[in-house]
């Protein structure tokens, strides 16, 4: 299924749910990319921001991100520790899409559930897109 175009996104649009495994190799790559502490690998717990990064990446693959778009803000609530190896299902929807001058502000509500259907992440991300 091709990504939805940015122009087609409207308030209430729901993105398809996406699942991914937070394996040791995935978390190792995340820690390397962000210069993170390797103690997370020995602790067996996924860094909370890794969950958010992969959830937002999964959602952004559902729509075509226009050239010049920037991730402007986020509000995240981490509800539960997530062990490495957990499969996460993330979902999201468009909460707001407003034009302010030469920018669109797109607010996405996101959530992530573990394999036991327990919510581990809830939040919003704002993307600024030039008109």
N, C-alpha and C. Protein backbone atom coordinates (compact mmCIF):
# COMPACT_ATOMS: atom_id res chain seq x y z
N UNK A 1 0.85 -1.18 0.00
CA UNK A 1 0.00 0.00 0.00
C UNK A 1 0.89 1.24 0.00
N UNK A 2 0.72 2.12 -1.00
CA UNK A 2 1.57 3.32 -1.04
C UNK A 2 1.24 4.27 0.10
N UNK A 3 2.21 5.07 0.50
CA UNK A 3 1.96 6.02 1.58
C UNK A 3 0.88 7.04 1.19
N UNK A 4 0.13 7.49 2.18
CA UNK A 4 -0.87 8.54 1.98
C UNK A 4 -0.13 9.85 1.74
N UNK A 5 -0.63 10.66 0.82
CA UNK A 5 0.03 11.94 0.59
C UNK A 5 -0.30 12.89 1.74
N UNK A 6 0.60 13.81 1.99
CA UNK A 6 0.41 14.77 3.08
C UNK A 6 -0.89 15.54 2.90
N UNK A 7 -1.20 15.93 1.66
CA UNK A 7 -2.41 16.70 1.39
C UNK A 7 -3.68 15.94 1.75
N UNK A 8 -3.64 14.61 1.72
CA UNK A 8 -4.81 13.79 2.03
C UNK A 8 -5.03 13.62 3.54
N UNK A 9 -4.04 13.95 4.33
CA UNK A 9 -4.17 13.76 5.77
C UNK A 9 -5.17 14.77 6.34
N UNK A 10 -6.13 14.28 7.09
CA UNK A 10 -7.12 15.14 7.73
C UNK A 10 -7.23 14.74 9.19
N UNK A 11 -7.74 15.65 10.00
CA UNK A 11 -7.94 15.35 11.42
C UNK A 11 -8.79 14.08 11.54
N UNK A 12 -8.33 13.18 12.38
CA UNK A 12 -9.03 11.91 12.58
C UNK A 12 -8.47 10.77 11.74
N UNK A 13 -7.63 11.08 10.73
CA UNK A 13 -7.05 10.02 9.91
C UNK A 13 -6.27 9.07 10.81
N UNK A 14 -6.58 7.78 10.70
CA UNK A 14 -5.87 6.77 11.49
C UNK A 14 -4.87 6.04 10.61
N UNK A 15 -3.67 5.90 11.13
CA UNK A 15 -2.63 5.19 10.42
C UNK A 15 -2.74 3.71 10.73
N UNK A 16 -2.34 2.86 9.79
CA UNK A 16 -2.40 1.42 10.06
C UNK A 16 -1.46 1.06 11.21
N UNK A 17 -1.88 0.12 12.02
CA UNK A 17 -1.04 -0.36 13.12
C UNK A 17 0.17 -1.07 12.54
N UNK A 18 1.31 -0.86 13.17
CA UNK A 18 2.56 -1.46 12.74
C UNK A 18 3.23 -2.15 13.92
N UNK A 19 3.78 -3.31 13.69
CA UNK A 19 4.48 -4.04 14.76
C UNK A 19 5.95 -4.19 14.41
N UNK A 20 6.77 -4.19 15.44
CA UNK A 20 8.21 -4.40 15.25
C UNK A 20 8.78 -4.96 16.54
N UNK A 21 9.86 -5.72 16.39
CA UNK A 21 10.52 -6.32 17.55
C UNK A 21 11.71 -5.45 17.97
N UNK A 22 11.77 -5.14 19.25
CA UNK A 22 12.89 -4.39 19.79
C UNK A 22 13.97 -5.38 20.23
N UNK A 23 14.58 -5.99 19.23
CA UNK A 23 15.60 -7.00 19.48
C UNK A 23 16.89 -6.37 19.99
N UNK A 24 17.79 -7.19 20.46
CA UNK A 24 19.07 -6.70 20.95
C UNK A 24 19.84 -5.99 19.84
N UNK A 25 19.79 -6.52 18.61
CA UNK A 25 20.52 -5.87 17.52
C UNK A 25 19.89 -4.52 17.17
N UNK A 26 18.58 -4.42 17.19
CA UNK A 26 17.89 -3.14 16.92
C UNK A 26 18.27 -2.11 17.98
N UNK A 27 18.25 -2.51 19.24
CA UNK A 27 18.59 -1.59 20.32
C UNK A 27 20.08 -1.23 20.27
N UNK A 28 20.93 -2.18 19.91
CA UNK A 28 22.35 -1.87 19.74
C UNK A 28 22.58 -0.82 18.67
N UNK A 29 21.87 -0.93 17.54
CA UNK A 29 21.99 0.07 16.47
C UNK A 29 21.47 1.43 16.94
N UNK A 30 20.37 1.43 17.67
CA UNK A 30 19.83 2.69 18.20
C UNK A 30 20.86 3.35 19.12
N UNK A 31 21.43 2.58 20.05
CA UNK A 31 22.40 3.14 20.99
C UNK A 31 23.64 3.67 20.26
N UNK A 32 24.07 2.97 19.24
CA UNK A 32 25.22 3.43 18.46
C UNK A 32 24.89 4.75 17.76
N UNK A 33 23.69 4.85 17.20
CA UNK A 33 23.29 6.05 16.46
C UNK A 33 23.19 7.28 17.36
N UNK A 34 22.75 7.08 18.59
CA UNK A 34 22.55 8.23 19.49
C UNK A 34 23.69 8.40 20.49
N UNK A 35 24.70 7.55 20.39
CA UNK A 35 25.81 7.65 21.35
C UNK A 35 25.35 7.29 22.75
N UNK A 36 24.45 6.33 22.82
CA UNK A 36 23.82 5.95 24.10
C UNK A 36 24.68 5.06 24.95
N UNK A 37 24.23 4.89 26.14
CA UNK A 37 24.91 4.05 27.13
C UNK A 37 24.66 2.58 26.84
N UNK A 38 25.73 1.83 26.68
CA UNK A 38 25.61 0.41 26.38
C UNK A 38 25.07 -0.40 27.56
N UNK A 39 24.99 0.21 28.76
CA UNK A 39 24.46 -0.53 29.91
C UNK A 39 23.02 -0.97 29.70
N UNK A 40 22.32 -0.32 28.77
CA UNK A 40 20.95 -0.75 28.48
C UNK A 40 20.93 -2.19 27.97
N UNK A 41 21.96 -2.55 27.18
CA UNK A 41 22.00 -3.91 26.66
C UNK A 41 22.17 -4.92 27.79
N UNK A 42 22.99 -4.60 28.77
CA UNK A 42 23.19 -5.54 29.87
C UNK A 42 22.03 -5.49 30.87
N UNK A 43 21.31 -4.36 30.92
CA UNK A 43 20.17 -4.26 31.84
C UNK A 43 18.97 -5.03 31.30
N UNK A 44 18.94 -5.22 29.97
CA UNK A 44 17.82 -5.93 29.38
C UNK A 44 16.59 -5.06 29.14
N UNK A 45 16.69 -3.74 29.41
CA UNK A 45 15.57 -2.82 29.26
C UNK A 45 15.80 -1.90 28.06
N UNK A 46 14.77 -1.71 27.26
CA UNK A 46 14.84 -0.84 26.09
C UNK A 46 14.86 0.62 26.56
N UNK A 47 15.77 1.45 26.04
CA UNK A 47 15.73 2.88 26.37
C UNK A 47 14.38 3.44 25.92
N UNK A 48 13.68 4.16 26.78
CA UNK A 48 12.34 4.65 26.43
C UNK A 48 12.29 5.45 25.12
N UNK A 49 13.28 6.29 24.88
CA UNK A 49 13.24 7.07 23.64
C UNK A 49 13.41 6.21 22.39
N UNK A 50 13.98 5.02 22.54
CA UNK A 50 14.06 4.11 21.39
C UNK A 50 12.66 3.65 20.98
N UNK A 51 11.80 3.42 21.95
CA UNK A 51 10.42 3.03 21.64
C UNK A 51 9.75 4.15 20.86
N UNK A 52 9.92 5.38 21.32
CA UNK A 52 9.32 6.53 20.65
C UNK A 52 9.89 6.70 19.24
N UNK A 53 11.20 6.57 19.10
CA UNK A 53 11.83 6.76 17.79
C UNK A 53 11.31 5.74 16.78
N UNK A 54 11.22 4.48 17.19
CA UNK A 54 10.73 3.47 16.26
C UNK A 54 9.25 3.63 15.99
N UNK A 55 8.47 4.06 16.96
CA UNK A 55 7.03 4.29 16.74
C UNK A 55 6.83 5.43 15.75
N UNK A 56 7.56 6.53 15.93
CA UNK A 56 7.41 7.66 15.02
C UNK A 56 7.92 7.33 13.62
N UNK A 57 8.97 6.54 13.54
CA UNK A 57 9.48 6.12 12.24
C UNK A 57 8.43 5.26 11.53
N UNK A 58 7.82 4.34 12.26
CA UNK A 58 6.78 3.49 11.66
C UNK A 58 5.62 4.32 11.15
N UNK A 59 5.17 5.30 11.94
CA UNK A 59 4.06 6.14 11.50
C UNK A 59 4.43 6.99 10.29
N UNK A 60 5.65 7.52 10.30
CA UNK A 60 6.06 8.41 9.19
C UNK A 60 6.16 7.65 7.88
N UNK A 61 6.26 6.34 7.92
CA UNK A 61 6.30 5.55 6.70
C UNK A 61 4.91 5.37 6.09
N UNK A 62 3.88 5.79 6.83
CA UNK A 62 2.50 5.67 6.36
C UNK A 62 2.04 6.85 5.53
N UNK A 63 2.83 7.93 5.52
CA UNK A 63 2.48 9.08 4.70
C UNK A 63 3.74 9.68 4.10
N UNK A 64 3.56 10.36 2.98
CA UNK A 64 4.72 10.96 2.32
C UNK A 64 5.07 12.25 3.06
N UNK A 65 6.26 12.27 3.61
CA UNK A 65 6.73 13.43 4.37
C UNK A 65 7.29 14.44 3.37
N UNK A 66 6.66 15.62 3.30
CA UNK A 66 7.13 16.62 2.32
C UNK A 66 8.55 17.10 2.60
N UNK A 67 9.21 17.52 1.54
CA UNK A 67 10.56 18.08 1.65
C UNK A 67 10.51 19.30 2.59
N UNK A 68 11.47 19.41 3.47
CA UNK A 68 11.55 20.54 4.38
C UNK A 68 10.81 20.34 5.69
N UNK A 69 10.14 19.19 5.86
CA UNK A 69 9.42 18.91 7.11
C UNK A 69 10.42 18.70 8.25
N UNK A 70 10.05 19.18 9.43
CA UNK A 70 10.89 18.97 10.61
C UNK A 70 10.03 18.48 11.77
N UNK A 71 10.64 17.65 12.58
CA UNK A 71 10.00 17.20 13.82
C UNK A 71 10.17 18.34 14.82
N UNK A 72 9.07 19.03 15.13
CA UNK A 72 9.16 20.27 15.89
C UNK A 72 9.00 20.08 17.40
N UNK A 73 8.21 19.11 17.82
CA UNK A 73 7.96 18.94 19.26
C UNK A 73 7.41 17.56 19.53
N UNK A 74 7.48 17.18 20.78
CA UNK A 74 6.87 15.92 21.22
C UNK A 74 6.53 15.99 22.69
N UNK A 75 5.47 15.30 23.05
CA UNK A 75 5.07 15.10 24.44
C UNK A 75 4.89 13.60 24.59
N UNK A 76 5.68 12.99 25.44
CA UNK A 76 5.64 11.54 25.56
C UNK A 76 5.46 11.12 27.01
N UNK A 77 4.70 10.06 27.19
CA UNK A 77 4.54 9.47 28.51
C UNK A 77 4.89 7.99 28.39
N UNK A 78 5.90 7.58 29.14
CA UNK A 78 6.33 6.19 29.13
C UNK A 78 5.68 5.51 30.33
N UNK A 79 4.89 4.49 30.07
CA UNK A 79 4.02 3.91 31.09
C UNK A 79 4.53 2.63 31.72
N UNK A 80 5.51 2.01 31.11
CA UNK A 80 5.97 0.71 31.58
C UNK A 80 7.34 0.42 30.99
N UNK A 81 8.19 -0.23 31.76
CA UNK A 81 9.48 -0.68 31.22
C UNK A 81 9.25 -1.75 30.17
N UNK A 82 10.12 -1.76 29.17
CA UNK A 82 9.98 -2.71 28.07
C UNK A 82 11.26 -3.53 27.97
N UNK A 83 11.17 -4.83 28.17
CA UNK A 83 12.36 -5.67 28.04
C UNK A 83 12.82 -5.78 26.58
N UNK A 84 14.12 -5.87 26.37
CA UNK A 84 14.66 -6.11 25.04
C UNK A 84 14.07 -7.42 24.53
N UNK A 85 13.67 -7.43 23.26
CA UNK A 85 13.05 -8.61 22.66
C UNK A 85 11.53 -8.49 22.56
N UNK A 86 10.97 -7.45 23.17
CA UNK A 86 9.52 -7.24 23.15
C UNK A 86 9.06 -6.83 21.75
N UNK A 87 7.92 -7.34 21.34
CA UNK A 87 7.29 -6.89 20.11
C UNK A 87 6.31 -5.79 20.47
N UNK A 88 6.45 -4.68 19.77
CA UNK A 88 5.63 -3.49 20.01
C UNK A 88 4.69 -3.30 18.83
N UNK A 89 3.45 -2.94 19.14
CA UNK A 89 2.49 -2.52 18.11
C UNK A 89 2.22 -1.05 18.32
N UNK A 90 2.42 -0.26 17.29
CA UNK A 90 2.17 1.17 17.43
C UNK A 90 1.06 1.60 16.49
N UNK A 91 0.35 2.61 16.93
CA UNK A 91 -0.73 3.16 16.12
C UNK A 91 -0.73 4.66 16.31
N UNK A 92 -1.44 5.33 15.44
CA UNK A 92 -1.49 6.78 15.55
C UNK A 92 -2.60 7.35 14.70
N UNK A 93 -2.87 8.61 14.97
CA UNK A 93 -3.86 9.32 14.17
C UNK A 93 -3.52 10.80 14.14
N UNK A 94 -4.10 11.50 13.19
CA UNK A 94 -3.91 12.94 13.07
C UNK A 94 -4.83 13.62 14.08
N UNK A 95 -4.23 14.32 15.03
CA UNK A 95 -5.01 15.03 16.05
C UNK A 95 -5.32 16.45 15.62
N UNK A 96 -4.38 17.08 14.91
CA UNK A 96 -4.56 18.45 14.42
C UNK A 96 -3.78 18.63 13.13
N UNK A 97 -4.30 19.47 12.26
CA UNK A 97 -3.57 19.90 11.06
C UNK A 97 -4.02 21.33 10.80
N UNK A 98 -3.14 22.25 11.11
CA UNK A 98 -3.48 23.66 10.98
C UNK A 98 -2.39 24.39 10.20
N UNK A 99 -2.82 25.41 9.48
CA UNK A 99 -1.86 26.24 8.76
C UNK A 99 -1.59 27.49 9.58
N UNK A 100 -0.32 27.78 9.80
CA UNK A 100 0.12 28.99 10.50
C UNK A 100 1.13 29.69 9.60
N UNK A 101 0.69 30.73 8.93
CA UNK A 101 1.59 31.43 8.02
C UNK A 101 2.04 30.51 6.90
N UNK A 102 3.35 30.35 6.78
CA UNK A 102 3.92 29.53 5.72
C UNK A 102 4.19 28.08 6.16
N UNK A 103 3.55 27.66 7.26
CA UNK A 103 3.75 26.31 7.77
C UNK A 103 2.42 25.62 8.04
N UNK A 104 2.42 24.31 7.83
CA UNK A 104 1.37 23.46 8.38
C UNK A 104 1.95 22.85 9.64
N UNK A 105 1.16 22.78 10.68
CA UNK A 105 1.54 22.05 11.88
C UNK A 105 0.66 20.80 11.94
N UNK A 106 1.30 19.66 11.92
CA UNK A 106 0.62 18.38 11.96
C UNK A 106 0.91 17.74 13.31
N UNK A 107 -0.14 17.52 14.11
CA UNK A 107 0.02 16.90 15.42
C UNK A 107 -0.49 15.47 15.32
N UNK A 108 0.40 14.53 15.63
CA UNK A 108 0.08 13.11 15.58
C UNK A 108 -0.03 12.56 16.98
N UNK A 109 -1.11 11.86 17.28
CA UNK A 109 -1.22 11.12 18.54
C UNK A 109 -0.64 9.74 18.29
N UNK A 110 0.21 9.29 19.19
CA UNK A 110 0.82 7.97 19.03
C UNK A 110 0.64 7.15 20.28
N UNK A 111 0.58 5.84 20.10
CA UNK A 111 0.58 4.94 21.24
C UNK A 111 1.28 3.66 20.84
N UNK A 112 1.82 2.99 21.83
CA UNK A 112 2.51 1.73 21.59
C UNK A 112 2.08 0.74 22.67
N UNK A 113 1.81 -0.49 22.23
CA UNK A 113 1.40 -1.57 23.12
C UNK A 113 2.43 -2.68 23.05
N UNK A 114 2.65 -3.35 24.18
CA UNK A 114 3.53 -4.52 24.15
C UNK A 114 2.71 -5.74 23.67
N UNK A 115 3.35 -6.90 23.60
CA UNK A 115 2.66 -8.08 23.08
C UNK A 115 1.53 -8.55 23.97
N UNK A 116 1.48 -8.06 25.22
CA UNK A 116 0.37 -8.39 26.12
C UNK A 116 -0.75 -7.36 26.04
N UNK A 117 -0.67 -6.48 25.04
CA UNK A 117 -1.67 -5.42 24.80
C UNK A 117 -1.70 -4.37 25.90
N UNK A 118 -0.57 -4.23 26.63
CA UNK A 118 -0.46 -3.19 27.66
C UNK A 118 0.16 -1.96 27.01
N UNK A 119 -0.42 -0.80 27.28
CA UNK A 119 0.11 0.44 26.71
C UNK A 119 1.43 0.77 27.40
N UNK A 120 2.47 0.97 26.61
CA UNK A 120 3.79 1.30 27.15
C UNK A 120 4.21 2.73 26.80
N UNK A 121 3.54 3.32 25.81
CA UNK A 121 3.87 4.68 25.37
C UNK A 121 2.60 5.37 24.89
N UNK A 122 2.47 6.61 25.30
CA UNK A 122 1.37 7.45 24.83
C UNK A 122 1.96 8.84 24.60
N UNK A 123 1.51 9.51 23.56
CA UNK A 123 2.05 10.85 23.35
C UNK A 123 1.59 11.51 22.09
N UNK A 124 2.22 12.65 21.82
CA UNK A 124 1.96 13.44 20.62
C UNK A 124 3.28 13.89 20.03
N UNK A 125 3.30 13.99 18.73
CA UNK A 125 4.46 14.53 18.01
C UNK A 125 3.95 15.58 17.04
N UNK A 126 4.68 16.69 16.95
CA UNK A 126 4.31 17.75 16.04
C UNK A 126 5.33 17.85 14.93
N UNK A 127 4.83 17.87 13.69
CA UNK A 127 5.68 18.01 12.51
C UNK A 127 5.31 19.34 11.84
N UNK A 128 6.32 20.14 11.55
CA UNK A 128 6.13 21.40 10.84
C UNK A 128 6.49 21.19 9.38
N UNK A 129 5.58 21.58 8.50
CA UNK A 129 5.74 21.36 7.07
C UNK A 129 5.56 22.67 6.33
N UNK A 130 6.53 23.07 5.51
CA UNK A 130 6.37 24.30 4.73
C UNK A 130 5.18 24.18 3.77
N UNK A 131 4.47 25.29 3.57
CA UNK A 131 3.32 25.32 2.65
C UNK A 131 3.82 25.22 1.22
